[in-house]
C-alpha atoms as a PDB file:
ATOM      1  CA  MET A   1      34.913  97.790  78.830  1.00  0.00           C
ATOM      2  CA  LYS A   2      35.423  95.186  76.103  1.00  0.00           C
ATOM      3  CA  ILE A   3      37.770  92.431  77.169  1.00  0.00           C
ATOM      4  CA  HIS A   4      39.823  91.297  74.180  1.00  0.00           C
ATOM      5  CA  SER A   5      42.404  89.333  76.116  1.00  0.00           C
ATOM      6  CA  ALA A   6      42.957  88.203  79.695  1.00  0.00           C
ATOM      7  CA  GLU A   7      45.807  85.975  80.766  1.00  0.00           C
ATOM      8  CA  PHE A   8      47.475  84.814  83.944  1.00  0.00           C
ATOM      9  CA  LEU A   9      50.976  86.271  84.277  1.00  0.00           C
ATOM     10  CA  ILE A  10      52.508  85.044  87.530  1.00  0.00           C
ATOM     11  CA  GLY A  11      51.772  84.005  91.074  1.00  0.00           C
ATOM     12  CA  ALA A  12      54.284  86.033  93.072  1.00  0.00           C
ATOM     13  CA  ALA A  13      55.454  84.581  96.373  1.00  0.00           C
ATOM     14  CA  SER A  14      57.936  87.419  97.005  1.00  0.00           C
ATOM     15  CA  PRO A  15      58.257  91.070  95.929  1.00  0.00           C
ATOM     16  CA  GLY A  16      61.136  90.140  93.628  1.00  0.00           C
ATOM     17  CA  GLN A  17      58.637  88.231  91.482  1.00  0.00           C
ATOM     18  CA  PHE A  18      56.289  91.182  90.937  1.00  0.00           C
ATOM     19  CA  PRO A  19      56.124  92.220  87.260  1.00  0.00           C
ATOM     20  CA  PRO A  20      57.818  95.540  86.430  1.00  0.00           C
ATOM     21  CA  PRO A  21      55.458  98.396  87.425  1.00  0.00           C
ATOM     22  CA  LEU A  22      55.010  99.610  83.854  1.00  0.00           C
ATOM     23  CA  LEU A  23      51.233  99.139  83.558  1.00  0.00           C
ATOM     24  CA  PRO A  24      48.385 100.398  85.764  1.00  0.00           C
ATOM     25  CA  GLU A  25      47.027  97.861  88.248  1.00  0.00           C
ATOM     26  CA  VAL A  26      43.795  97.359  90.180  1.00  0.00           C
ATOM     27  CA  ALA A  27      43.980  95.011  93.170  1.00  0.00           C
ATOM     28  CA  PHE A  28      41.184  92.901  94.651  1.00  0.00           C
ATOM     29  CA  VAL A  29      41.117  92.063  98.348  1.00  0.00           C
ATOM     30  CA  GLY A  30      38.653  90.411 100.705  1.00  0.00           C
ATOM     31  CA  LYS A  31      38.179  87.759 103.324  1.00  0.00           C
ATOM     32  CA  SER A  32      38.653  84.160 102.244  1.00  0.00           C
ATOM     33  CA  ASN A  33      35.456  82.727 100.696  1.00  0.00           C
ATOM     34  CA  VAL A  34      33.958  86.160  99.953  1.00  0.00           C
ATOM     35  CA  GLY A  35      33.646  85.356  96.224  1.00  0.00           C
ATOM     36  CA  LYS A  36      36.649  87.342  95.018  1.00  0.00           C
ATOM     37  CA  SER A  37      37.603  84.932  92.218  1.00  0.00           C
ATOM     38  CA  SER A  38      34.040  84.762  90.896  1.00  0.00           C
ATOM     39  CA  LEU A  39      33.796  88.558  90.928  1.00  0.00           C
ATOM     40  CA  ILE A  40      36.999  88.947  88.897  1.00  0.00           C
ATOM     41  CA  ASN A  41      35.927  86.244  86.425  1.00  0.00           C
ATOM     42  CA  THR A  42      32.579  88.007  85.996  1.00  0.00           C
ATOM     43  CA  LEU A  43      34.244  91.351  85.298  1.00  0.00           C
ATOM     44  CA  LEU A  44      36.448  89.707  82.679  1.00  0.00           C
ATOM     45  CA  ASN A  45      33.680  87.602  81.124  1.00  0.00           C
ATOM     46  CA  ARG A  46      35.691  84.467  81.803  1.00  0.00           C
ATOM     47  CA  LYS A  47      34.571  81.340  83.610  1.00  0.00           C
ATOM     48  CA  ARG A  48      37.812  79.933  84.967  1.00  0.00           C
ATOM     49  CA  LEU A  49      40.626  82.444  84.488  1.00  0.00           C
ATOM     50  CA  VAL A  50      40.815  83.049  88.230  1.00  0.00           C
ATOM     51  CA  LYS A  51      40.557  79.710  89.951  1.00  0.00           C
ATOM     52  CA  THR A  52      37.805  79.364  92.538  1.00  0.00           C
ATOM     53  CA  SER A  53      38.145  76.991  95.448  1.00  0.00           C
ATOM     54  CA  GLY A  54      35.948  75.447  98.099  1.00  0.00           C
ATOM     55  CA  THR A  55      38.897  75.645 100.480  1.00  0.00           C
ATOM     56  CA  PRO A  56      39.108  79.096 102.117  1.00  0.00           C
ATOM     57  CA  GLY A  57      42.563  80.678 102.077  1.00  0.00           C
ATOM     58  CA  LYS A  58      43.871  78.598  99.196  1.00  0.00           C
ATOM     59  CA  THR A  59      45.314  81.585  97.287  1.00  0.00           C
ATOM     60  CA  ARG A  60      48.692  82.085  98.930  1.00  0.00           C
ATOM     61  CA  GLU A  61      50.452  84.195  96.331  1.00  0.00           C
ATOM     62  CA  ILE A  62      49.705  87.511  94.690  1.00  0.00           C
ATOM     63  CA  ASN A  63      48.318  86.604  91.278  1.00  0.00           C
ATOM     64  CA  PHE A  64      48.810  89.017  88.386  1.00  0.00           C
ATOM     65  CA  PHE A  65      46.616  88.976  85.272  1.00  0.00           C
ATOM     66  CA  LEU A  66      47.302  90.951  82.090  1.00  0.00           C
ATOM     67  CA  ILE A  67      44.118  92.433  80.619  1.00  0.00           C
ATOM     68  CA  ASN A  68      43.873  93.738  77.039  1.00  0.00           C
ATOM     69  CA  GLU A  69      47.673  93.990  77.122  1.00  0.00           C
ATOM     70  CA  ARG A  70      47.341  97.406  78.747  1.00  0.00           C
ATOM     71  CA  PHE A  71      46.548  96.945  82.459  1.00  0.00           C
ATOM     72  CA  ARG A  72      46.648  94.303  85.193  1.00  0.00           C
ATOM     73  CA  PHE A  73      44.226  92.867  87.706  1.00  0.00           C
ATOM     74  CA  VAL A  74      45.921  91.741  90.910  1.00  0.00           C
ATOM     75  CA  ASP A  75      44.317  89.058  93.073  1.00  0.00           C
ATOM     76  CA  LEU A  76      45.550  89.354  96.657  1.00  0.00           C
ATOM     77  CA  PRO A  77      45.389  86.393  99.070  1.00  0.00           C
ATOM     78  CA  GLY A  78      42.191  86.265 101.118  1.00  0.00           C
ATOM     79  CA  TYR A  79      42.473  87.086 104.795  1.00  0.00           C
ATOM     80  CA  GLY A  80      41.036  84.979 107.610  1.00  0.00           C
ATOM     81  CA  PHE A  81      40.003  81.314 107.797  1.00  0.00           C
ATOM     82  CA  SER A  82      43.315  79.948 106.545  1.00  0.00           C
ATOM     83  CA  ARG A  83      44.466  76.682 108.089  1.00  0.00           C
ATOM     84  CA  ALA A  84      48.109  77.436 107.366  1.00  0.00           C
ATOM     85  CA  ALA A  85      50.610  77.902 110.159  1.00  0.00           C
ATOM     86  CA  LYS A  86      50.773  81.349 111.759  1.00  0.00           C
ATOM     87  CA  THR A  87      54.288  81.907 110.406  1.00  0.00           C
ATOM     88  CA  LYS A  88      53.004  81.298 106.865  1.00  0.00           C
ATOM     89  CA  GLN A  89      50.083  83.642 107.428  1.00  0.00           C
ATOM     90  CA  ARG A  90      52.437  86.362 108.635  1.00  0.00           C
ATOM     91  CA  SER A  91      54.578  85.966 105.508  1.00  0.00           C
ATOM     92  CA  TRP A  92      51.494  86.435 103.280  1.00  0.00           C
ATOM     93  CA  GLU A  93      50.461  89.488 105.304  1.00  0.00           C
ATOM     94  CA  GLY A  94      53.945  90.918 104.838  1.00  0.00           C
ATOM     95  CA  LEU A  95      53.773  90.230 101.114  1.00  0.00           C
ATOM     96  CA  ILE A  96      50.409  91.970 100.806  1.00  0.00           C
ATOM     97  CA  GLU A  97      51.583  94.938 102.878  1.00  0.00           C
ATOM     98  CA  THR A  98      54.696  95.299 100.723  1.00  0.00           C
ATOM     99  CA  TYR A  99      52.596  95.256  97.563  1.00  0.00           C
ATOM    100  CA  LEU A 100      50.066  97.791  98.860  1.00  0.00           C
ATOM    101  CA  SER A 101      52.603 100.205 100.326  1.00  0.00           C
ATOM    102  CA  GLU A 102      55.282 100.095  97.625  1.00  0.00           C
ATOM    103  CA  ARG A 103      53.541  99.469  94.287  1.00  0.00           C
ATOM    104  CA  PRO A 104      53.727 102.750  92.314  1.00  0.00           C
ATOM    105  CA  CYS A 105      51.377 101.594  89.530  1.00  0.00           C
ATOM    106  CA  LEU A 106      48.512 100.635  91.894  1.00  0.00           C
ATOM    107  CA  LYS A 107      45.501 102.762  90.918  1.00  0.00           C
ATOM    108  CA  GLY A 108      42.980 101.523  93.447  1.00  0.00           C
ATOM    109  CA  LEU A 109      41.542  98.559  95.304  1.00  0.00           C
ATOM    110  CA  VAL A 110      38.298  96.669  95.174  1.00  0.00           C
ATOM    111  CA  LEU A 111      37.528  95.727  98.796  1.00  0.00           C
ATOM    112  CA  ILE A 112      35.000  92.888  98.843  1.00  0.00           C
ATOM    113  CA  PHE A 113      32.631  92.057 101.693  1.00  0.00           C
ATOM    114  CA  ASP A 114      29.875  89.436 101.801  1.00  0.00           C
ATOM    115  CA  VAL A 115      26.664  91.489 101.992  1.00  0.00           C
ATOM    116  CA  ARG A 116      24.956  88.775 104.073  1.00  0.00           C
ATOM    117  CA  HIS A 117      27.262  89.327 107.048  1.00  0.00           C
ATOM    118  CA  SER A 118      28.259  92.278 109.197  1.00  0.00           C
ATOM    119  CA  PRO A 119      31.908  93.298 108.823  1.00  0.00           C
ATOM    120  CA  GLY A 120      34.165  91.427 111.232  1.00  0.00           C
ATOM    121  CA  PRO A 121      37.344  92.630 112.951  1.00  0.00           C
ATOM    122  CA  LEU A 122      39.529  91.582 110.004  1.00  0.00           C
ATOM    123  CA  ASP A 123      37.306  93.458 107.538  1.00  0.00           C
ATOM    124  CA  ARG A 124      37.471  96.586 109.670  1.00  0.00           C
ATOM    125  CA  ALA A 125      41.221  96.212 110.090  1.00  0.00           C
ATOM    126  CA  MET A 126      41.711  95.976 106.320  1.00  0.00           C
ATOM    127  CA  GLN A 127      39.530  99.014 105.704  1.00  0.00           C
ATOM    128  CA  GLY A 128      41.400 100.937 108.401  1.00  0.00           C
ATOM    129  CA  TRP A 129      44.763  99.931 106.971  1.00  0.00           C
ATOM    130  CA  LEU A 130      43.782 101.073 103.452  1.00  0.00           C
ATOM    131  CA  GLU A 131      42.498 104.393 104.752  1.00  0.00           C
ATOM    132  CA  GLY A 132      45.528 104.885 106.989  1.00  0.00           C
ATOM    133  CA  ALA A 133      47.809 104.268 104.016  1.00  0.00           C
ATOM    134  CA  GLY A 134      45.838 106.741 101.910  1.00  0.00           C
ATOM    135  CA  LEU A 135      44.865 104.099  99.353  1.00  0.00           C
ATOM    136  CA  ARG A 136      41.773 104.566  97.214  1.00  0.00           C
ATOM    137  CA  TYR A 137      39.224 101.760  97.348  1.00  0.00           C
ATOM    138  CA  ARG A 138      35.656 100.887  96.372  1.00  0.00           C
ATOM    139  CA  LEU A 139      33.681  98.683  98.733  1.00  0.00           C
ATOM    140  CA  ILE A 140      31.758  95.891  97.050  1.00  0.00           C
ATOM    141  CA  ALA A 141      28.865  94.170  98.837  1.00  0.00           C
ATOM    142  CA  ASN A 142      29.145  90.806  97.100  1.00  0.00           C
ATOM    143  CA  LYS A 143      26.616  87.942  96.764  1.00  0.00           C
ATOM    144  CA  ALA A 144      23.713  90.395  96.471  1.00  0.00           C
ATOM    145  CA  ASP A 145      21.595  87.729  94.758  1.00  0.00           C
ATOM    146  CA  LYS A 146      21.481  85.789  98.035  1.00  0.00           C
ATOM    147  CA  LEU A 147      19.252  88.399  99.719  1.00  0.00           C
ATOM    148  CA  LYS A 148      15.740  89.675  99.089  1.00  0.00           C
ATOM    149  CA  LYS A 149      15.613  93.299  97.898  1.00  0.00           C
ATOM    150  CA  SER A 150      14.278  94.662 101.187  1.00  0.00           C
ATOM    151  CA  ARG A 151      16.997  92.930 103.204  1.00  0.00           C
ATOM    152  CA  LEU A 152      19.661  93.954 100.673  1.00  0.00           C
ATOM    153  CA  GLY A 153      18.768  97.640 101.031  1.00  0.00           C
ATOM    154  CA  SER A 154      18.951  97.367 104.817  1.00  0.00           C
ATOM    155  CA  GLN A 155      22.336  95.621 104.715  1.00  0.00           C
ATOM    156  CA  LEU A 156      23.772  98.226 102.324  1.00  0.00           C
ATOM    157  CA  SER A 157      22.631 101.051 104.619  1.00  0.00           C
ATOM    158  CA  GLN A 158      24.168  99.346 107.638  1.00  0.00           C
ATOM    159  CA  LEU A 159      27.470  98.911 105.810  1.00  0.00           C
ATOM    160  CA  GLU A 160      27.562 102.538 104.678  1.00  0.00           C
ATOM    161  CA  GLN A 161      26.772 103.936 108.120  1.00  0.00           C
ATOM    162  CA  GLY A 162      28.713 101.425 110.188  1.00  0.00           C
ATOM    163  CA  LEU A 163      31.912 101.842 108.164  1.00  0.00           C
ATOM    164  CA  ALA A 164      31.576 105.598 107.504  1.00  0.00           C
ATOM    165  CA  LEU A 165      32.150 105.031 103.793  1.00  0.00           C
ATOM    166  CA  PRO A 166      32.939 107.926 101.440  1.00  0.00           C
ATOM    167  CA  GLU A 167      30.363 106.508  98.978  1.00  0.00           C
ATOM    168  CA  PRO A 168      27.662 103.832  99.245  1.00  0.00           C
ATOM    169  CA  PRO A 169      28.784 100.209  98.917  1.00  0.00           C
ATOM    170  CA  LEU A 170      28.101  98.676  95.522  1.00  0.00           C
ATOM    171  CA  ALA A 171      25.852  95.613  95.491  1.00  0.00           C
ATOM    172  CA  PHE A 172      27.385  92.970  93.233  1.00  0.00           C
ATOM    173  CA  SER A 173      26.383  89.504  92.067  1.00  0.00           C
ATOM    174  CA  ALA A 174      28.506  87.209  89.917  1.00  0.00           C
ATOM    175  CA  LYS A 175      25.386  85.173  89.232  1.00  0.00           C
ATOM    176  CA  SER A 176      23.186  87.997  87.879  1.00  0.00           C
ATOM    177  CA  ARG A 177      26.025  90.416  86.948  1.00  0.00           C
ATOM    178  CA  GLN A 178      24.376  93.073  89.125  1.00  0.00           C
ATOM    179  CA  GLY A 179      26.806  95.952  89.677  1.00  0.00           C
ATOM    180  CA  CYS A 180      29.204  94.865  86.943  1.00  0.00           C
ATOM    181  CA  ASP A 181      28.732  97.926  84.694  1.00  0.00           C
ATOM    182  CA  ILE A 182      28.925 100.350  87.619  1.00  0.00           C
ATOM    183  CA  LEU A 183      32.127  98.780  88.903  1.00  0.00           C
ATOM    184  CA  TRP A 184      33.685  98.898  85.437  1.00  0.00           C
ATOM    185  CA  LYS A 185      32.864 102.616  85.233  1.00  0.00           C
ATOM    186  CA  CYS A 186      34.826 103.137  88.445  1.00  0.00           C
ATOM    187  CA  LEU A 187      37.749 101.011  87.256  1.00  0.00           C
ATOM    188  CA  ASP A 188      37.825 102.740  83.853  1.00  0.00           C
ATOM    189  CA  GLY A 189      38.269 106.065  85.634  1.00  0.00           C
ATOM    190  CA  TRP A 190      41.152 104.748  87.722  1.00  0.00           C
ATOM    191  CA  LEU A 191      42.882 103.071  84.778  1.00  0.00           C
ATOM    192  CA  ALA A 192      42.612 106.179  82.592  1.00  0.00           C
ATOM    193  CA  GLU A 193      44.846 108.127  84.968  1.00  0.00           C
ATOM    194  CA  PRO A 194      48.519 108.406  83.990  1.00  0.00           C
ATOM    195  CA  LEU A 195      51.125 106.350  85.806  1.00  0.00           C
ATOM    196  CA  ASN A 196      53.068 108.240  88.480  1.00  0.00           C
END
């Protein structure tokens, strides 16, 4: 995929701020500090389009990005680790749930885990929610460059078996761009499908 243009559209704090569902969308979701922003920037060949932060849970809106003027990437708030009040956290969860359950132009999700760690309860809950809602997703085992090859293979096998995945997790590294082409192939297939 050649990226000719990529621009930030809006940070939506309520469903009324979502852009009209006239273009296909791919959403990205993962625990806070899993490297979601770096992954999106790597896919788009941009360094700072999606802002990265050293403070987990800083993204508190749903951020929409227009790509090549023909589809959108959607950056969902990270789950877990946030220092915000519980009432605020619940409002973000409600916002995410509304987006995932009611967005007709959503073509699929990129669910991002940190390959160095076993999935926690929140990771499993998110996976279960996506599967229960019948939403298509691809699991990304991010930060693959942080592990030796032998350990990486073992971690990928554990993820696949432990989560009963429909396909093996994809090892990804923003640093080395490992997995970038394979992920784009998946996204291209989703985005080529007609809108409902």
